Amino acid sequence: MMEFVTRFAPSPTGLLHLGHAFSALTAYEAAKQADGRFLLRIEDIDRTRCKPEFEEAIYEDLRWLGLEWETPVRRQSDHFDEYAVALATLQEKGVVYRCFKTRKEILDEIARAPHLSRKGPEGPQYVGEALPPKEEQTLIEEGAPYAWRLSMAAAKDLLGGEWETLSFTEETPEGLRTVKATPDIFGDAVVARKDNGTSYHLASVHDDALQGVTHVIRGEDLYHAAHLHRLLQVLLALPEPVYRHHRLLTDETGRRFAKRDKAATLKSMRESGAKADDIVTRLGFSRV
């Protein structure tokens, strides 16, 4: 029987809130029920917004809730060299290109031809192409910033018939179902930048495979990411996990919890005298 391995992978860009607690407990309980393993991973590739104090708060909050995890904890900012290798693989396969256009330039271009750019999970579906080699080299020598974009057209050509059969497995309360993957809903997704050698998508897919994650359990706001992640897994010859996307927790007004909602942070609740048992029960779990 295959070992069950799942993870909770927060970004230390703020304090954890009730929504994070629900997600962490969901994954933790799933691992317990399957007699499997639960990992904690710190996704801190955003070196501007991620702060050490928020990372320490993550550990404190999760311990308070009663969670335990394997050590050492993988911190993504320690592994940019590994993501560079994954990016190099995509480069060698000819499925990525340098895009020198700024966000404003892209939005202006889309505004001129909105019928060519449908809305995707991360905004308009921008599709571009590599510049002529001489023009690209000039911009590189000038130090111009750029993003590495995954060319959906090149990926489709490379995969051939496999593109049409691309799919992922989603676990639901009714059982497993096969979902046809349509990664082109993202347009040519950014997988890395000149000043940041990876993206959430590339680093997450790489680390899930490296850490042997068999079940990716996360919020339904990341459901569409599975379409793109499945493509990256195929391009990088990585194993396919099972996905489970849980509901998102909301406040009494129906609004999703966010890091800016200070009253909903676990730290503020703990400091105001809340008991971990009460929080766990409130979220629908037994004491872990």
Protein backbone atom coordinates (compact mmCIF):
# COMPACT_ATOMS: atom_id res chain seq x y z
CA MET A 1 0.00 0.00 0.00
CA MET A 2 1.34 3.44 -0.95
CA GLU A 3 2.48 5.61 1.95
CA PHE A 4 0.32 8.67 2.58
CA VAL A 5 2.31 11.92 2.76
CA THR A 6 0.81 15.40 2.85
CA ARG A 7 1.92 18.88 3.85
CA PHE A 8 0.95 22.35 5.02
CA ALA A 9 2.97 24.98 3.16
CA PRO A 10 2.37 28.53 4.38
CA SER A 11 4.20 31.66 3.26
CA PRO A 12 5.57 33.80 6.12
CA THR A 13 4.19 37.09 4.78
CA GLY A 14 1.94 37.70 7.76
CA LEU A 15 0.36 36.02 10.77
CA LEU A 16 -1.70 32.85 10.42
CA HIS A 17 -5.46 33.25 10.71
CA LEU A 18 -8.39 30.88 11.19
CA GLY A 19 -8.38 29.95 7.51
CA HIS A 20 -4.78 28.78 7.80
CA ALA A 21 -5.64 26.83 10.93
CA PHE A 22 -8.47 25.08 9.11
CA SER A 23 -6.18 24.14 6.22
CA ALA A 24 -3.39 22.91 8.49
CA LEU A 25 -5.81 20.85 10.61
CA THR A 26 -7.44 19.39 7.49
CA ALA A 27 -4.09 18.11 6.21
CA TYR A 28 -2.95 16.98 9.66
CA GLU A 29 -6.14 15.03 10.33
CA ALA A 30 -5.95 13.40 6.89
CA ALA A 31 -2.42 12.19 7.62
CA LYS A 32 -3.48 10.85 11.01
CA GLN A 33 -6.46 8.98 9.60
CA ALA A 34 -4.27 7.39 6.92
CA ASP A 35 -1.52 6.57 9.40
CA GLY A 36 0.68 8.70 7.19
CA ARG A 37 3.16 11.55 7.41
CA PHE A 38 2.54 15.27 7.84
CA LEU A 39 5.13 17.78 6.65
CA LEU A 40 5.48 21.49 7.24
CA ARG A 41 7.12 23.51 4.48
CA ILE A 42 7.92 27.22 4.56
CA GLU A 43 7.31 28.78 1.14
CA ASP A 44 9.37 31.94 1.49
CA ILE A 45 10.58 32.64 -2.05
CA ASP A 46 9.20 36.19 -1.87
CA ARG A 47 12.26 37.72 -0.24
CA THR A 48 10.61 41.14 0.03
CA ARG A 49 7.43 40.19 1.90
CA CYS A 50 8.55 37.12 3.87
CA LYS A 51 9.87 37.90 7.36
CA PRO A 52 11.66 35.73 9.97
CA GLU A 53 9.24 36.88 12.67
CA PHE A 54 6.29 35.55 10.67
CA GLU A 55 8.05 32.22 10.21
CA GLU A 56 8.60 31.92 13.95
CA ALA A 57 4.95 32.81 14.52
CA ILE A 58 3.93 29.93 12.21
CA TYR A 59 5.76 27.43 14.41
CA GLU A 60 4.31 28.95 17.57
CA ASP A 61 0.74 28.97 16.26
CA LEU A 62 0.84 25.40 14.97
CA ARG A 63 2.37 24.07 18.19
CA TRP A 64 -0.35 25.86 20.14
CA LEU A 65 -2.97 24.07 18.03
CA GLY A 66 -1.29 20.77 18.92
CA LEU A 67 0.24 19.93 15.55
CA GLU A 68 3.49 18.02 15.18
CA TRP A 69 5.62 17.72 12.07
CA GLU A 70 8.83 16.20 10.82
CA THR A 71 12.09 18.09 11.09
CA PRO A 72 14.05 19.69 9.63
CA VAL A 73 11.42 21.91 8.02
CA ARG A 74 12.16 22.67 4.37
CA ARG A 75 12.57 26.39 3.78
CA GLN A 76 12.34 27.21 0.09
CA SER A 77 14.66 30.22 0.24
CA ASP A 78 17.50 27.79 1.01
CA HIS A 79 17.05 25.95 -2.27
CA PHE A 80 17.06 28.41 -5.15
CA ASP A 81 19.86 26.40 -6.76
CA GLU A 82 17.53 23.39 -7.02
CA TYR A 83 14.80 25.43 -8.66
CA ALA A 84 17.40 26.73 -11.12
CA VAL A 85 18.04 23.13 -12.19
CA ALA A 86 14.32 22.57 -12.75
CA LEU A 87 14.13 25.79 -14.78
CA ALA A 88 17.15 24.68 -16.81
CA THR A 89 15.28 21.48 -17.70
CA LEU A 90 12.40 23.53 -19.06
CA GLN A 91 14.85 25.70 -20.97
CA GLU A 92 16.52 22.66 -22.51
CA LYS A 93 13.14 21.38 -23.64
CA GLY A 94 12.41 24.72 -25.29
CA VAL A 95 9.15 25.34 -23.44
CA VAL A 96 10.06 28.62 -21.70
CA TYR A 97 11.05 32.04 -23.01
CA ARG A 98 12.19 35.37 -21.61
CA CYS A 99 9.43 37.98 -21.49
CA PHE A 100 10.75 41.53 -21.07
CA LYS A 101 7.36 43.25 -21.00
CA THR A 102 6.31 44.99 -17.82
CA ARG A 103 2.92 44.32 -16.26
CA LYS A 104 1.72 47.72 -17.50
CA GLU A 105 2.86 46.98 -21.04
CA ILE A 106 1.04 43.67 -20.97
CA LEU A 107 -2.15 45.25 -19.65
CA ASP A 108 -1.94 47.98 -22.29
CA GLU A 109 -1.48 45.35 -24.99
CA ILE A 110 -4.46 43.40 -23.69
CA ALA A 111 -6.57 46.56 -23.56
CA ARG A 112 -5.92 47.13 -27.26
CA ALA A 113 -7.14 43.62 -28.10
CA PRO A 114 -9.27 42.38 -25.18
CA HIS A 115 -10.88 39.68 -27.35
CA LEU A 116 -7.50 37.94 -27.52
CA SER A 117 -6.97 37.71 -23.75
CA ARG A 118 -9.58 35.86 -21.73
CA LYS A 119 -9.48 36.07 -17.96
CA GLY A 120 -7.50 33.31 -16.25
CA PRO A 121 -6.89 32.27 -12.64
CA GLU A 122 -4.08 34.83 -12.28
CA GLY A 123 -5.51 37.55 -14.51
CA PRO A 124 -5.65 37.93 -18.29
CA GLN A 125 -4.25 35.00 -20.24
CA TYR A 126 -1.20 36.63 -21.74
CA VAL A 127 0.42 34.72 -24.59
CA GLY A 128 3.70 35.87 -26.07
CA GLU A 129 6.84 34.56 -27.70
CA ALA A 130 10.59 34.84 -27.48
CA LEU A 131 12.24 37.92 -28.99
CA PRO A 132 14.65 37.55 -31.90
CA PRO A 133 18.02 36.40 -30.45
CA LYS A 134 19.86 39.63 -31.26
CA GLU A 135 17.18 41.83 -29.67
CA GLU A 136 17.01 39.56 -26.63
CA GLN A 137 20.78 39.60 -26.17
CA THR A 138 20.82 43.40 -26.30
CA LEU A 139 18.24 43.63 -23.52
CA ILE A 140 20.12 41.07 -21.43
CA GLU A 141 23.34 43.06 -21.77
CA GLU A 142 21.47 46.22 -20.75
CA GLY A 143 20.35 44.44 -17.59
CA ALA A 144 16.65 44.66 -18.43
CA PRO A 145 14.36 42.73 -16.07
CA TYR A 146 12.42 39.78 -17.46
CA ALA A 147 10.23 36.86 -16.51
CA TRP A 148 10.54 33.29 -17.68
CA ARG A 149 7.17 32.29 -19.14
CA LEU A 150 6.01 28.78 -19.89
CA SER A 151 4.97 28.67 -23.55
CA MET A 152 1.73 26.73 -23.79
CA ALA A 153 2.16 26.45 -27.56
CA ALA A 154 5.65 24.95 -27.20
CA ALA A 155 4.49 22.58 -24.44
CA LYS A 156 1.59 21.44 -26.57
CA ASP A 157 3.90 20.79 -29.53
CA LEU A 158 6.35 18.90 -27.32
CA LEU A 159 3.74 16.67 -25.72
CA GLY A 160 1.80 15.97 -28.90
CA GLY A 161 -1.07 13.59 -28.22
CA GLU A 162 -0.23 13.51 -24.52
CA TRP A 163 -1.49 17.10 -24.26
CA GLU A 164 -5.04 15.96 -25.04
CA THR A 165 -4.98 13.26 -22.37
CA LEU A 166 -3.38 15.42 -19.68
CA SER A 167 -5.36 15.07 -16.43
CA PHE A 168 -5.13 15.08 -12.65
CA THR A 169 -6.88 13.13 -9.90
CA GLU A 170 -9.11 15.02 -7.49
CA GLU A 171 -10.28 13.41 -4.26
CA THR A 172 -13.83 14.36 -3.27
CA PRO A 173 -16.21 13.11 -0.55
CA GLU A 174 -17.74 10.87 -3.23
CA GLY A 175 -14.39 9.38 -4.22
CA LEU A 176 -11.66 9.95 -6.78
CA ARG A 177 -12.43 11.63 -10.08
CA THR A 178 -10.29 12.31 -13.10
CA VAL A 179 -10.19 15.95 -14.22
CA LYS A 180 -9.03 16.92 -17.69
CA ALA A 181 -6.14 19.35 -17.24
CA THR A 182 -6.36 22.60 -19.19
CA PRO A 183 -3.19 24.47 -18.21
CA ASP A 184 -3.65 26.97 -21.04
CA ILE A 185 -6.27 28.74 -18.88
CA PHE A 186 -3.23 30.49 -17.38
CA GLY A 187 -1.90 31.70 -20.71
CA ASP A 188 1.89 31.65 -20.71
CA ALA A 189 2.35 31.41 -16.94
CA VAL A 190 5.38 32.94 -15.21
CA VAL A 191 7.59 30.18 -13.76
CA ALA A 192 10.57 32.35 -12.71
CA ARG A 193 11.98 35.86 -12.86
CA LYS A 194 15.43 37.28 -13.42
CA ASP A 195 15.61 38.55 -9.83
CA ASN A 196 13.78 35.58 -8.32
CA GLY A 197 14.78 32.24 -9.79
CA THR A 198 11.46 30.51 -9.30
CA SER A 199 7.72 31.00 -8.87
CA TYR A 200 5.20 29.48 -6.49
CA HIS A 201 4.17 27.04 -9.21
CA LEU A 202 7.65 25.74 -10.04
CA ALA A 203 8.89 25.58 -6.44
CA SER A 204 5.74 23.90 -5.14
CA VAL A 205 5.72 21.21 -7.83
CA HIS A 206 9.45 20.58 -7.36
CA ASP A 207 9.20 20.30 -3.58
CA ASP A 208 6.11 18.10 -3.53
CA ALA A 209 7.97 15.59 -5.70
CA LEU A 210 11.22 15.90 -3.76
CA GLN A 211 9.48 15.37 -0.42
CA GLY A 212 7.42 12.42 -1.64
CA VAL A 213 4.07 14.17 -1.17
CA THR A 214 1.36 11.78 -2.33
CA HIS A 215 -1.64 13.96 -1.44
CA VAL A 216 -1.71 17.72 -2.00
CA ILE A 217 -4.35 19.07 0.39
CA ARG A 218 -5.02 22.79 0.11
CA GLY A 219 -7.80 25.35 -0.28
CA GLU A 220 -10.17 25.43 -3.23
CA ASP A 221 -8.73 28.82 -4.20
CA LEU A 222 -5.78 26.82 -5.58
CA TYR A 223 -7.91 24.32 -7.49
CA HIS A 224 -7.03 25.79 -10.88
CA ALA A 225 -3.32 25.64 -10.05
CA ALA A 226 -3.55 21.85 -10.31
CA HIS A 227 -4.08 22.24 -14.08
CA LEU A 228 -0.75 24.04 -14.44
CA HIS A 229 1.05 21.90 -11.88
CA ARG A 230 0.11 18.73 -13.71
CA LEU A 231 1.72 20.10 -16.88
CA LEU A 232 4.89 21.00 -15.00
CA GLN A 233 5.00 17.51 -13.49
CA VAL A 234 4.87 15.94 -16.94
CA LEU A 235 7.47 18.31 -18.40
CA LEU A 236 9.82 17.66 -15.46
CA ALA A 237 9.10 13.91 -15.30
CA LEU A 238 7.80 14.17 -11.73
CA PRO A 239 5.30 11.85 -10.03
CA GLU A 240 1.62 12.73 -9.94
CA PRO A 241 0.03 13.30 -6.51
CA VAL A 242 -3.65 13.09 -5.64
CA TYR A 243 -5.26 16.50 -5.06
CA ARG A 244 -7.83 17.44 -2.45
CA HIS A 245 -9.12 21.01 -2.40
CA HIS A 246 -11.07 21.86 0.74
CA ARG A 247 -13.61 24.62 1.26
CA LEU A 248 -12.45 28.06 2.31
CA LEU A 249 -13.29 29.38 5.74
CA THR A 250 -15.21 32.67 5.87
CA ASP A 251 -16.30 35.10 8.55
CA GLU A 252 -19.90 35.84 9.53
CA THR A 253 -20.27 38.16 6.51
CA GLY A 254 -19.14 35.48 4.09
CA ARG A 255 -15.78 37.12 3.43
CA ARG A 256 -12.67 34.96 3.29
CA PHE A 257 -10.21 35.39 6.14
CA ALA A 258 -7.08 37.28 5.14
CA LYS A 259 -3.78 38.15 6.78
CA ARG A 260 -4.87 41.77 7.04
CA ASP A 261 -7.71 40.73 9.38
CA LYS A 262 -5.77 41.11 12.62
CA ALA A 263 -8.71 40.11 14.83
CA ALA A 264 -8.79 36.68 13.17
CA THR A 265 -5.11 35.86 13.62
CA LEU A 266 -4.25 32.95 15.87
CA LYS A 267 -1.73 35.12 17.70
CA SER A 268 -4.32 37.73 18.62
CA MET A 269 -6.77 35.06 19.74
CA ARG A 270 -4.16 33.34 21.87
CA GLU A 271 -3.09 36.62 23.46
CA SER A 272 -6.71 37.51 24.22
CA GLY A 273 -7.08 34.30 26.22
CA ALA A 274 -8.63 31.93 23.66
CA LYS A 275 -8.03 28.23 24.25
CA ALA A 276 -6.60 26.04 21.50
CA ASP A 277 -9.19 23.34 22.24
CA ASP A 278 -11.99 25.82 21.58
CA ILE A 279 -10.45 26.92 18.28
CA VAL A 280 -9.97 23.33 17.12
CA THR A 281 -13.57 22.46 18.03
CA ARG A 282 -14.88 25.64 16.40
CA LEU A 283 -13.20 24.59 13.16
CA GLY A 284 -14.89 21.19 13.28
CA PHE A 285 -12.06 18.98 14.50
CA SER A 286 -11.46 16.92 17.59
CA ARG A 287 -8.42 17.76 19.71
CA VAL A 288 -5.38 16.62 17.72
